[in-house]
Amino acid sequence: YAEHRDKPLFGELVAFLTRGPVVAMVVEGPGDGTWHLMRTIIGKTKVEDAQPGSIRGDFATTTNENLVHGSDGDESAAREIGLWFPDLV
């Protein structure tokens, strides 16, 4: 989340992300754009915009303490996979 380092919410974000266990995974699919499919399954970032049937739509209670994260493109996916699973990149 280096892109958020200069934002006022950064300290709260780091505190939230480090206060409990994390399950990290890489989802692969045919062709490019698997991240787009996963973002649909995850749901919109803002709780009030998340579609019923999506993870956030069914289970999230607040936007600030997000239930799940998904990369928003091929470049960010490659960067984030490298953070968690350096042997895969």
PDB file of N, CA and C in Angstrom:
ATOM      1  N   TYR A   1       0.805  -1.209   0.000  1.00  0.00           N
ATOM      2  CA  TYR A   1       0.000   0.000   0.000  1.00  0.00           C
ATOM      3  C   TYR A   1       0.845   1.270   0.000  1.00  0.00           C
ATOM      4  N   ALA A   2       2.020   1.181  -0.582  1.00  0.00           N
ATOM      5  CA  ALA A   2       2.915   2.338  -0.639  1.00  0.00           C
ATOM      6  C   ALA A   2       2.248   3.540  -1.293  1.00  0.00           C
ATOM      7  N   GLU A   3       1.318   3.306  -2.214  1.00  0.00           N
ATOM      8  CA  GLU A   3       0.648   4.422  -2.890  1.00  0.00           C
ATOM      9  C   GLU A   3      -0.211   5.243  -1.933  1.00  0.00           C
ATOM     10  N   HIS A   4      -0.475   4.725  -0.748  1.00  0.00           N
ATOM     11  CA  HIS A   4      -1.290   5.438   0.246  1.00  0.00           C
ATOM     12  C   HIS A   4      -0.440   6.067   1.356  1.00  0.00           C
ATOM     13  N   ARG A   5       0.879   5.951   1.258  1.00  0.00           N
ATOM     14  CA  ARG A   5       1.785   6.382   2.332  1.00  0.00           C
ATOM     15  C   ARG A   5       1.569   7.827   2.754  1.00  0.00           C
ATOM     16  N   ASP A   6       1.282   8.726   1.840  1.00  0.00           N
ATOM     17  CA  ASP A   6       1.135  10.149   2.152  1.00  0.00           C
ATOM     18  C   ASP A   6      -0.288  10.546   2.520  1.00  0.00           C
ATOM     19  N   LYS A   7      -1.199   9.611   2.540  1.00  0.00           N
ATOM     20  CA  LYS A   7      -2.596   9.920   2.859  1.00  0.00           C
ATOM     21  C   LYS A   7      -2.825   9.839   4.367  1.00  0.00           C
ATOM     22  N   PRO A   8      -3.757  10.633   4.888  1.00  0.00           N
ATOM     23  CA  PRO A   8      -4.019  10.637   6.336  1.00  0.00           C
ATOM     24  C   PRO A   8      -4.425   9.270   6.887  1.00  0.00           C
ATOM     25  N   LEU A   9      -5.031   8.433   6.056  1.00  0.00           N
ATOM     26  CA  LEU A   9      -5.524   7.142   6.542  1.00  0.00           C
ATOM     27  C   LEU A   9      -4.433   6.070   6.646  1.00  0.00           C
ATOM     28  N   PHE A  10      -3.204   6.367   6.214  1.00  0.00           N
ATOM     29  CA  PHE A  10      -2.179   5.337   6.109  1.00  0.00           C
ATOM     30  C   PHE A  10      -1.889   4.651   7.448  1.00  0.00           C
ATOM     31  N   GLY A  11      -1.742   5.415   8.513  1.00  0.00           N
ATOM     32  CA  GLY A  11      -1.452   4.829   9.832  1.00  0.00           C
ATOM     33  C   GLY A  11      -2.546   3.874  10.280  1.00  0.00           C
ATOM     34  N   GLU A  12      -3.794   4.288  10.101  1.00  0.00           N
ATOM     35  CA  GLU A  12      -4.924   3.425  10.451  1.00  0.00           C
ATOM     36  C   GLU A  12      -4.952   2.178   9.570  1.00  0.00           C
ATOM     37  N   LEU A  13      -4.622   2.333   8.299  1.00  0.00           N
ATOM     38  CA  LEU A  13      -4.600   1.207   7.373  1.00  0.00           C
ATOM     39  C   LEU A  13      -3.557   0.173   7.811  1.00  0.00           C
ATOM     40  N   VAL A  14      -2.359   0.625   8.129  1.00  0.00           N
ATOM     41  CA  VAL A  14      -1.299  -0.285   8.569  1.00  0.00           C
ATOM     42  C   VAL A  14      -1.703  -0.978   9.875  1.00  0.00           C
ATOM     43  N   ALA A  15      -2.274  -0.227  10.805  1.00  0.00           N
ATOM     44  CA  ALA A  15      -2.719  -0.821  12.072  1.00  0.00           C
ATOM     45  C   ALA A  15      -3.761  -1.911  11.827  1.00  0.00           C
ATOM     46  N   PHE A  16      -4.708  -1.651  10.943  1.00  0.00           N
ATOM     47  CA  PHE A  16      -5.735  -2.641  10.624  1.00  0.00           C
ATOM     48  C   PHE A  16      -5.125  -3.881   9.979  1.00  0.00           C
ATOM     49  N   LEU A  17      -4.260  -3.673   8.991  1.00  0.00           N
ATOM     50  CA  LEU A  17      -3.689  -4.796   8.244  1.00  0.00           C
ATOM     51  C   LEU A  17      -2.774  -5.680   9.075  1.00  0.00           C
ATOM     52  N   THR A  18      -2.242  -5.146  10.154  1.00  0.00           N
ATOM     53  CA  THR A  18      -1.277  -5.911  10.953  1.00  0.00           C
ATOM     54  C   THR A  18      -1.846  -6.408  12.283  1.00  0.00           C
ATOM     55  N   ARG A  19      -3.121  -6.233  12.516  1.00  0.00           N
ATOM     56  CA  ARG A  19      -3.665  -6.631  13.817  1.00  0.00           C
ATOM     57  C   ARG A  19      -4.170  -8.074  13.886  1.00  0.00           C
ATOM     58  N   GLY A  20      -4.196  -8.762  12.775  1.00  0.00           N
ATOM     59  CA  GLY A  20      -4.686 -10.134  12.803  1.00  0.00           C
ATOM     60  C   GLY A  20      -4.073 -10.958  11.702  1.00  0.00           C
ATOM     61  N   PRO A  21      -4.432 -12.223  11.663  1.00  0.00           N
ATOM     62  CA  PRO A  21      -3.867 -13.092  10.624  1.00  0.00           C
ATOM     63  C   PRO A  21      -4.371 -12.717   9.232  1.00  0.00           C
ATOM     64  N   VAL A  22      -3.572 -13.074   8.235  1.00  0.00           N
ATOM     65  CA  VAL A  22      -3.887 -12.811   6.836  1.00  0.00           C
ATOM     66  C   VAL A  22      -3.771 -14.127   6.071  1.00  0.00           C
ATOM     67  N   VAL A  23      -4.680 -14.353   5.160  1.00  0.00           N
ATOM     68  CA  VAL A  23      -4.592 -15.491   4.245  1.00  0.00           C
ATOM     69  C   VAL A  23      -4.304 -14.912   2.872  1.00  0.00           C
ATOM     70  N   ALA A  24      -3.151 -15.233   2.324  1.00  0.00           N
ATOM     71  CA  ALA A  24      -2.773 -14.722   0.999  1.00  0.00           C
ATOM     72  C   ALA A  24      -2.863 -15.854  -0.010  1.00  0.00           C
ATOM     73  N   MET A  25      -3.364 -15.528  -1.211  1.00  0.00           N
ATOM     74  CA  MET A  25      -3.440 -16.542  -2.256  1.00  0.00           C
ATOM     75  C   MET A  25      -3.329 -15.884  -3.619  1.00  0.00           C
ATOM     76  N   VAL A  26      -2.942 -16.686  -4.579  1.00  0.00           N
ATOM     77  CA  VAL A  26      -2.879 -16.264  -5.967  1.00  0.00           C
ATOM     78  C   VAL A  26      -3.901 -17.089  -6.725  1.00  0.00           C
ATOM     79  N   VAL A  27      -4.747 -16.417  -7.476  1.00  0.00           N
ATOM     80  CA  VAL A  27      -5.755 -17.094  -8.284  1.00  0.00           C
ATOM     81  C   VAL A  27      -5.335 -16.957  -9.741  1.00  0.00           C
ATOM     82  N   GLU A  28      -5.255 -18.075 -10.434  1.00  0.00           N
ATOM     83  CA  GLU A  28      -4.897 -18.067 -11.843  1.00  0.00           C
ATOM     84  C   GLU A  28      -6.081 -18.528 -12.675  1.00  0.00           C
ATOM     85  N   GLY A  29      -6.155 -18.008 -13.877  1.00  0.00           N
ATOM     86  CA  GLY A  29      -7.211 -18.404 -14.787  1.00  0.00           C
ATOM     87  C   GLY A  29      -6.725 -18.334 -16.213  1.00  0.00           C
ATOM     88  N   PRO A  30      -7.568 -18.721 -17.153  1.00  0.00           N
ATOM     89  CA  PRO A  30      -7.155 -18.698 -18.560  1.00  0.00           C
ATOM     90  C   PRO A  30      -7.024 -17.260 -19.073  1.00  0.00           C
ATOM     91  N   GLY A  31      -5.941 -16.973 -19.742  1.00  0.00           N
ATOM     92  CA  GLY A  31      -5.754 -15.660 -20.347  1.00  0.00           C
ATOM     93  C   GLY A  31      -5.512 -14.564 -19.330  1.00  0.00           C
ATOM     94  N   ASP A  32      -5.402 -13.350 -19.844  1.00  0.00           N
ATOM     95  CA  ASP A  32      -5.223 -12.185 -18.981  1.00  0.00           C
ATOM     96  C   ASP A  32      -6.569 -11.765 -18.409  1.00  0.00           C
ATOM     97  N   GLY A  33      -6.518 -11.011 -17.342  1.00  0.00           N
ATOM     98  CA  GLY A  33      -7.744 -10.440 -16.807  1.00  0.00           C
ATOM     99  C   GLY A  33      -8.429 -11.245 -15.721  1.00  0.00           C
ATOM    100  N   THR A  34      -7.754 -12.260 -15.197  1.00  0.00           N
ATOM    101  CA  THR A  34      -8.352 -13.010 -14.086  1.00  0.00           C
ATOM    102  C   THR A  34      -8.625 -12.072 -12.916  1.00  0.00           C
ATOM    103  N   TRP A  35      -7.769 -11.061 -12.766  1.00  0.00           N
ATOM    104  CA  TRP A  35      -7.982 -10.084 -11.700  1.00  0.00           C
ATOM    105  C   TRP A  35      -9.357  -9.424 -11.840  1.00  0.00           C
ATOM    106  N   HIS A  36      -9.812  -9.195 -13.082  1.00  0.00           N
ATOM    107  CA  HIS A  36     -11.112  -8.557 -13.297  1.00  0.00           C
ATOM    108  C   HIS A  36     -12.251  -9.460 -12.806  1.00  0.00           C
ATOM    109  N   LEU A  37     -12.175 -10.733 -13.119  1.00  0.00           N
ATOM    110  CA  LEU A  37     -13.176 -11.691 -12.641  1.00  0.00           C
ATOM    111  C   LEU A  37     -13.183 -11.748 -11.120  1.00  0.00           C
ATOM    112  N   MET A  38     -11.988 -11.783 -10.520  1.00  0.00           N
ATOM    113  CA  MET A  38     -11.905 -11.834  -9.060  1.00  0.00           C
ATOM    114  C   MET A  38     -12.471 -10.567  -8.422  1.00  0.00           C
ATOM    115  N   ARG A  39     -12.243  -9.419  -9.038  1.00  0.00           N
ATOM    116  CA  ARG A  39     -12.798  -8.172  -8.499  1.00  0.00           C
ATOM    117  C   ARG A  39     -14.327  -8.210  -8.527  1.00  0.00           C
ATOM    118  N   THR A  40     -14.915  -8.866  -9.513  1.00  0.00           N
ATOM    119  CA  THR A  40     -16.368  -9.021  -9.571  1.00  0.00           C
ATOM    120  C   THR A  40     -16.840  -9.914  -8.425  1.00  0.00           C
ATOM    121  N   ILE A  41     -16.137 -10.996  -8.189  1.00  0.00           N
ATOM    122  CA  ILE A  41     -16.495 -11.909  -7.088  1.00  0.00           C
ATOM    123  C   ILE A  41     -16.321 -11.216  -5.738  1.00  0.00           C
ATOM    124  N   ILE A  42     -15.265 -10.410  -5.612  1.00  0.00           N
ATOM    125  CA  ILE A  42     -14.987  -9.694  -4.362  1.00  0.00           C
ATOM    126  C   ILE A  42     -16.033  -8.620  -4.111  1.00  0.00           C
ATOM    127  N   GLY A  43     -16.404  -7.860  -5.134  1.00  0.00           N
ATOM    128  CA  GLY A  43     -17.380  -6.787  -4.986  1.00  0.00           C
ATOM    129  C   GLY A  43     -16.720  -5.425  -4.908  1.00  0.00           C
ATOM    130  N   LYS A  44     -17.524  -4.402  -5.063  1.00  0.00           N
ATOM    131  CA  LYS A  44     -17.042  -3.021  -5.019  1.00  0.00           C
ATOM    132  C   LYS A  44     -16.424  -2.708  -3.667  1.00  0.00           C
ATOM    133  N   THR A  45     -15.464  -1.776  -3.662  1.00  0.00           N
ATOM    134  CA  THR A  45     -14.739  -1.431  -2.435  1.00  0.00           C
ATOM    135  C   THR A  45     -15.657  -0.837  -1.365  1.00  0.00           C
ATOM    136  N   LYS A  46     -16.509   0.103  -1.746  1.00  0.00           N
ATOM    137  CA  LYS A  46     -17.424   0.719  -0.776  1.00  0.00           C
ATOM    138  C   LYS A  46     -18.553  -0.249  -0.465  1.00  0.00           C
ATOM    139  N   VAL A  47     -18.763  -0.474   0.816  1.00  0.00           N
ATOM    140  CA  VAL A  47     -19.785  -1.433   1.257  1.00  0.00           C
ATOM    141  C   VAL A  47     -21.139  -1.134   0.629  1.00  0.00           C
ATOM    142  N   GLU A  48     -21.506   0.141   0.567  1.00  0.00           N
ATOM    143  CA  GLU A  48     -22.832   0.495   0.039  1.00  0.00           C
ATOM    144  C   GLU A  48     -22.951   0.245  -1.460  1.00  0.00           C
ATOM    145  N   ASP A  49     -21.830   0.082  -2.148  1.00  0.00           N
ATOM    146  CA  ASP A  49     -21.843  -0.182  -3.591  1.00  0.00           C
ATOM    147  C   ASP A  49     -21.644  -1.660  -3.936  1.00  0.00           C
ATOM    148  N   ALA A  50     -21.280  -2.461  -2.955  1.00  0.00           N
ATOM    149  CA  ALA A  50     -20.978  -3.879  -3.213  1.00  0.00           C
ATOM    150  C   ALA A  50     -22.252  -4.651  -3.547  1.00  0.00           C
ATOM    151  N   GLN A  51     -22.180  -5.432  -4.608  1.00  0.00           N
ATOM    152  CA  GLN A  51     -23.333  -6.162  -5.102  1.00  0.00           C
ATOM    153  C   GLN A  51     -23.677  -7.349  -4.195  1.00  0.00           C
ATOM    154  N   PRO A  52     -24.966  -7.597  -3.958  1.00  0.00           N
ATOM    155  CA  PRO A  52     -25.357  -8.813  -3.247  1.00  0.00           C
ATOM    156  C   PRO A  52     -24.812 -10.028  -4.004  1.00  0.00           C
ATOM    157  N   GLY A  53     -24.341 -10.996  -3.278  1.00  0.00           N
ATOM    158  CA  GLY A  53     -23.745 -12.179  -3.885  1.00  0.00           C
ATOM    159  C   GLY A  53     -22.238 -12.092  -3.990  1.00  0.00           C
ATOM    160  N   SER A  54     -21.683 -10.876  -3.859  1.00  0.00           N
ATOM    161  CA  SER A  54     -20.229 -10.730  -3.823  1.00  0.00           C
ATOM    162  C   SER A  54     -19.764 -10.902  -2.370  1.00  0.00           C
ATOM    163  N   ILE A  55     -18.477 -11.119  -2.190  1.00  0.00           N
ATOM    164  CA  ILE A  55     -17.943 -11.306  -0.835  1.00  0.00           C
ATOM    165  C   ILE A  55     -18.221 -10.065   0.011  1.00  0.00           C
ATOM    166  N   ARG A  56     -17.884  -8.906  -0.514  1.00  0.00           N
ATOM    167  CA  ARG A  56     -18.119  -7.676   0.249  1.00  0.00           C
ATOM    168  C   ARG A  56     -19.599  -7.371   0.394  1.00  0.00           C
ATOM    169  N   GLY A  57     -20.381  -7.655  -0.637  1.00  0.00           N
ATOM    170  CA  GLY A  57     -21.820  -7.399  -0.576  1.00  0.00           C
ATOM    171  C   GLY A  57     -22.520  -8.238   0.471  1.00  0.00           C
ATOM    172  N   ASP A  58     -22.036  -9.443   0.683  1.00  0.00           N
ATOM    173  CA  ASP A  58     -22.684 -10.344   1.639  1.00  0.00           C
ATOM    174  C   ASP A  58     -22.070 -10.304   3.041  1.00  0.00           C
ATOM    175  N   PHE A  59     -20.780  -9.948   3.146  1.00  0.00           N
ATOM    176  CA  PHE A  59     -20.104 -10.098   4.435  1.00  0.00           C
ATOM    177  C   PHE A  59     -19.459  -8.848   5.008  1.00  0.00           C
ATOM    178  N   ALA A  60     -19.184  -7.828   4.191  1.00  0.00           N
ATOM    179  CA  ALA A  60     -18.504  -6.633   4.695  1.00  0.00           C
ATOM    180  C   ALA A  60     -19.467  -5.768   5.495  1.00  0.00           C
ATOM    181  N   THR A  61     -18.953  -5.157   6.547  1.00  0.00           N
ATOM    182  CA  THR A  61     -19.769  -4.271   7.369  1.00  0.00           C
ATOM    183  C   THR A  61     -19.250  -2.836   7.359  1.00  0.00           C
ATOM    184  N   THR A  62     -18.024  -2.622   6.908  1.00  0.00           N
ATOM    185  CA  THR A  62     -17.446  -1.294   6.853  1.00  0.00           C
ATOM    186  C   THR A  62     -16.463  -1.202   5.685  1.00  0.00           C
ATOM    187  N   THR A  63     -16.390  -0.045   5.078  1.00  0.00           N
ATOM    188  CA  THR A  63     -15.459   0.166   3.972  1.00  0.00           C
ATOM    189  C   THR A  63     -14.031   0.333   4.486  1.00  0.00           C
ATOM    190  N   ASN A  64     -13.854   1.003   5.617  1.00  0.00           N
ATOM    191  CA  ASN A  64     -12.519   1.281   6.145  1.00  0.00           C
ATOM    192  C   ASN A  64     -11.768   0.030   6.570  1.00  0.00           C
ATOM    193  N   GLU A  65     -12.462  -0.964   7.053  1.00  0.00           N
ATOM    194  CA  GLU A  65     -11.816  -2.211   7.452  1.00  0.00           C
ATOM    195  C   GLU A  65     -12.280  -3.284   6.477  1.00  0.00           C
ATOM    196  N   ASN A  66     -11.620  -3.280   5.327  1.00  0.00           N
ATOM    197  CA  ASN A  66     -12.035  -4.121   4.222  1.00  0.00           C
ATOM    198  C   ASN A  66     -11.829  -5.593   4.523  1.00  0.00           C
ATOM    199  N   LEU A  67     -12.781  -6.369   4.152  1.00  0.00           N
ATOM    200  CA  LEU A  67     -12.798  -7.807   4.400  1.00  0.00           C
ATOM    201  C   LEU A  67     -11.834  -8.574   3.520  1.00  0.00           C
ATOM    202  N   VAL A  68     -11.621  -8.078   2.298  1.00  0.00           N
ATOM    203  CA  VAL A  68     -10.821  -8.808   1.310  1.00  0.00           C
ATOM    204  C   VAL A  68     -10.170  -7.802   0.369  1.00  0.00           C
ATOM    205  N   HIS A  69      -9.007  -8.164  -0.144  1.00  0.00           N
ATOM    206  CA  HIS A  69      -8.305  -7.313  -1.108  1.00  0.00           C
ATOM    207  C   HIS A  69      -8.091  -8.083  -2.394  1.00  0.00           C
ATOM    208  N   GLY A  70      -8.173  -7.393  -3.499  1.00  0.00           N
ATOM    209  CA  GLY A  70      -7.854  -7.981  -4.793  1.00  0.00           C
ATOM    210  C   GLY A  70      -7.120  -6.970  -5.646  1.00  0.00           C
ATOM    211  N   SER A  71      -6.144  -7.418  -6.375  1.00  0.00           N
ATOM    212  CA  SER A  71      -5.397  -6.530  -7.269  1.00  0.00           C
ATOM    213  C   SER A  71      -6.343  -5.906  -8.285  1.00  0.00           C
ATOM    214  N   ASP A  72      -6.000  -4.694  -8.731  1.00  0.00           N
ATOM    215  CA  ASP A  72      -6.869  -3.985  -9.670  1.00  0.00           C
ATOM    216  C   ASP A  72      -6.317  -3.939 -11.088  1.00  0.00           C
ATOM    217  N   GLY A  73      -5.357  -4.767 -11.386  1.00  0.00           N
ATOM    218  CA  GLY A  73      -4.805  -4.809 -12.741  1.00  0.00           C
ATOM    219  C   GLY A  73      -3.621  -5.760 -12.811  1.00  0.00           C
ATOM    220  N   ASP A  74      -3.153  -6.001 -14.015  1.00  0.00           N
ATOM    221  CA  ASP A  74      -2.048  -6.938 -14.208  1.00  0.00           C
ATOM    222  C   ASP A  74      -0.768  -6.463 -13.521  1.00  0.00           C
ATOM    223  N   GLU A  75      -0.477  -5.156 -13.603  1.00  0.00           N
ATOM    224  CA  GLU A  75       0.744  -4.631 -12.986  1.00  0.00           C
ATOM    225  C   GLU A  75       0.694  -4.729 -11.471  1.00  0.00           C
ATOM    226  N   SER A  76      -0.412  -4.317 -10.873  1.00  0.00           N
ATOM    227  CA  SER A  76      -0.502  -4.392  -9.413  1.00  0.00           C
ATOM    228  C   SER A  76      -0.531  -5.848  -8.953  1.00  0.00           C
ATOM    229  N   ALA A  77      -1.146  -6.721  -9.732  1.00  0.00           N
ATOM    230  CA  ALA A  77      -1.147  -8.149  -9.383  1.00  0.00           C
ATOM    231  C   ALA A  77       0.274  -8.685  -9.359  1.00  0.00           C
ATOM    232  N   ALA A  78       1.060  -8.371 -10.369  1.00  0.00           N
ATOM    233  CA  ALA A  78       2.448  -8.845 -10.408  1.00  0.00           C
ATOM    234  C   ALA A  78       3.237  -8.309  -9.216  1.00  0.00           C
ATOM    235  N   ARG A  79       3.048  -7.031  -8.892  1.00  0.00           N
ATOM    236  CA  ARG A  79       3.759  -6.433  -7.756  1.00  0.00           C
ATOM    237  C   ARG A  79       3.338  -7.086  -6.441  1.00  0.00           C
ATOM    238  N   GLU A  80       2.039  -7.271  -6.258  1.00  0.00           N
ATOM    239  CA  GLU A  80       1.533  -7.825  -5.005  1.00  0.00           C
ATOM    240  C   GLU A  80       1.879  -9.306  -4.863  1.00  0.00           C
ATOM    241  N   ILE A  81       1.833 -10.049  -5.943  1.00  0.00           N
ATOM    242  CA  ILE A  81       2.245 -11.463  -5.890  1.00  0.00           C
ATOM    243  C   ILE A  81       3.704 -11.552  -5.480  1.00  0.00           C
ATOM    244  N   GLY A  82       4.537 -10.641  -5.998  1.00  0.00           N
ATOM    245  CA  GLY A  82       5.953 -10.618  -5.640  1.00  0.00           C
ATOM    246  C   GLY A  82       6.185 -10.341  -4.170  1.00  0.00           C
ATOM    247  N   LEU A  83       5.318  -9.573  -3.550  1.00  0.00           N
ATOM    248  CA  LEU A  83       5.455  -9.284  -2.116  1.00  0.00           C
ATOM    249  C   LEU A  83       5.210 -10.529  -1.263  1.00  0.00           C
ATOM    250  N   TRP A  84       4.191 -11.280  -1.621  1.00  0.00           N
ATOM    251  CA  TRP A  84       3.784 -12.435  -0.829  1.00  0.00           C
ATOM    252  C   TRP A  84       4.456 -13.735  -1.253  1.00  0.00           C
ATOM    253  N   PHE A  85       4.677 -13.862  -2.553  1.00  0.00           N
ATOM    254  CA  PHE A  85       5.202 -15.116  -3.108  1.00  0.00           C
ATOM    255  C   PHE A  85       6.342 -14.803  -4.081  1.00  0.00           C
ATOM    256  N   PRO A  86       7.498 -14.381  -3.577  1.00  0.00           N
ATOM    257  CA  PRO A  86       8.577 -13.959  -4.482  1.00  0.00           C
ATOM    258  C   PRO A  86       9.059 -15.067  -5.425  1.00  0.00           C
ATOM    259  N   ASP A  87       8.881 -16.308  -5.086  1.00  0.00           N
ATOM    260  CA  ASP A  87       9.319 -17.392  -5.958  1.00  0.00           C
ATOM    261  C   ASP A  87       8.427 -17.561  -7.191  1.00  0.00           C
ATOM    262  N   LEU A  88       7.264 -16.922  -7.207  1.00  0.00           N
ATOM    263  CA  LEU A  88       6.336 -17.056  -8.333  1.00  0.00           C
ATOM    264  C   LEU A  88       6.589 -16.033  -9.437  1.00  0.00           C
ATOM    265  N   VAL A  89       7.349 -14.992  -9.146  1.00  0.00           N
ATOM    266  CA  VAL A  89       7.572 -13.953 -10.163  1.00  0.00           C
ATOM    267  C   VAL A  89       8.945 -14.060 -10.787  1.00  0.00           C
TER     268      VAL A  89
END
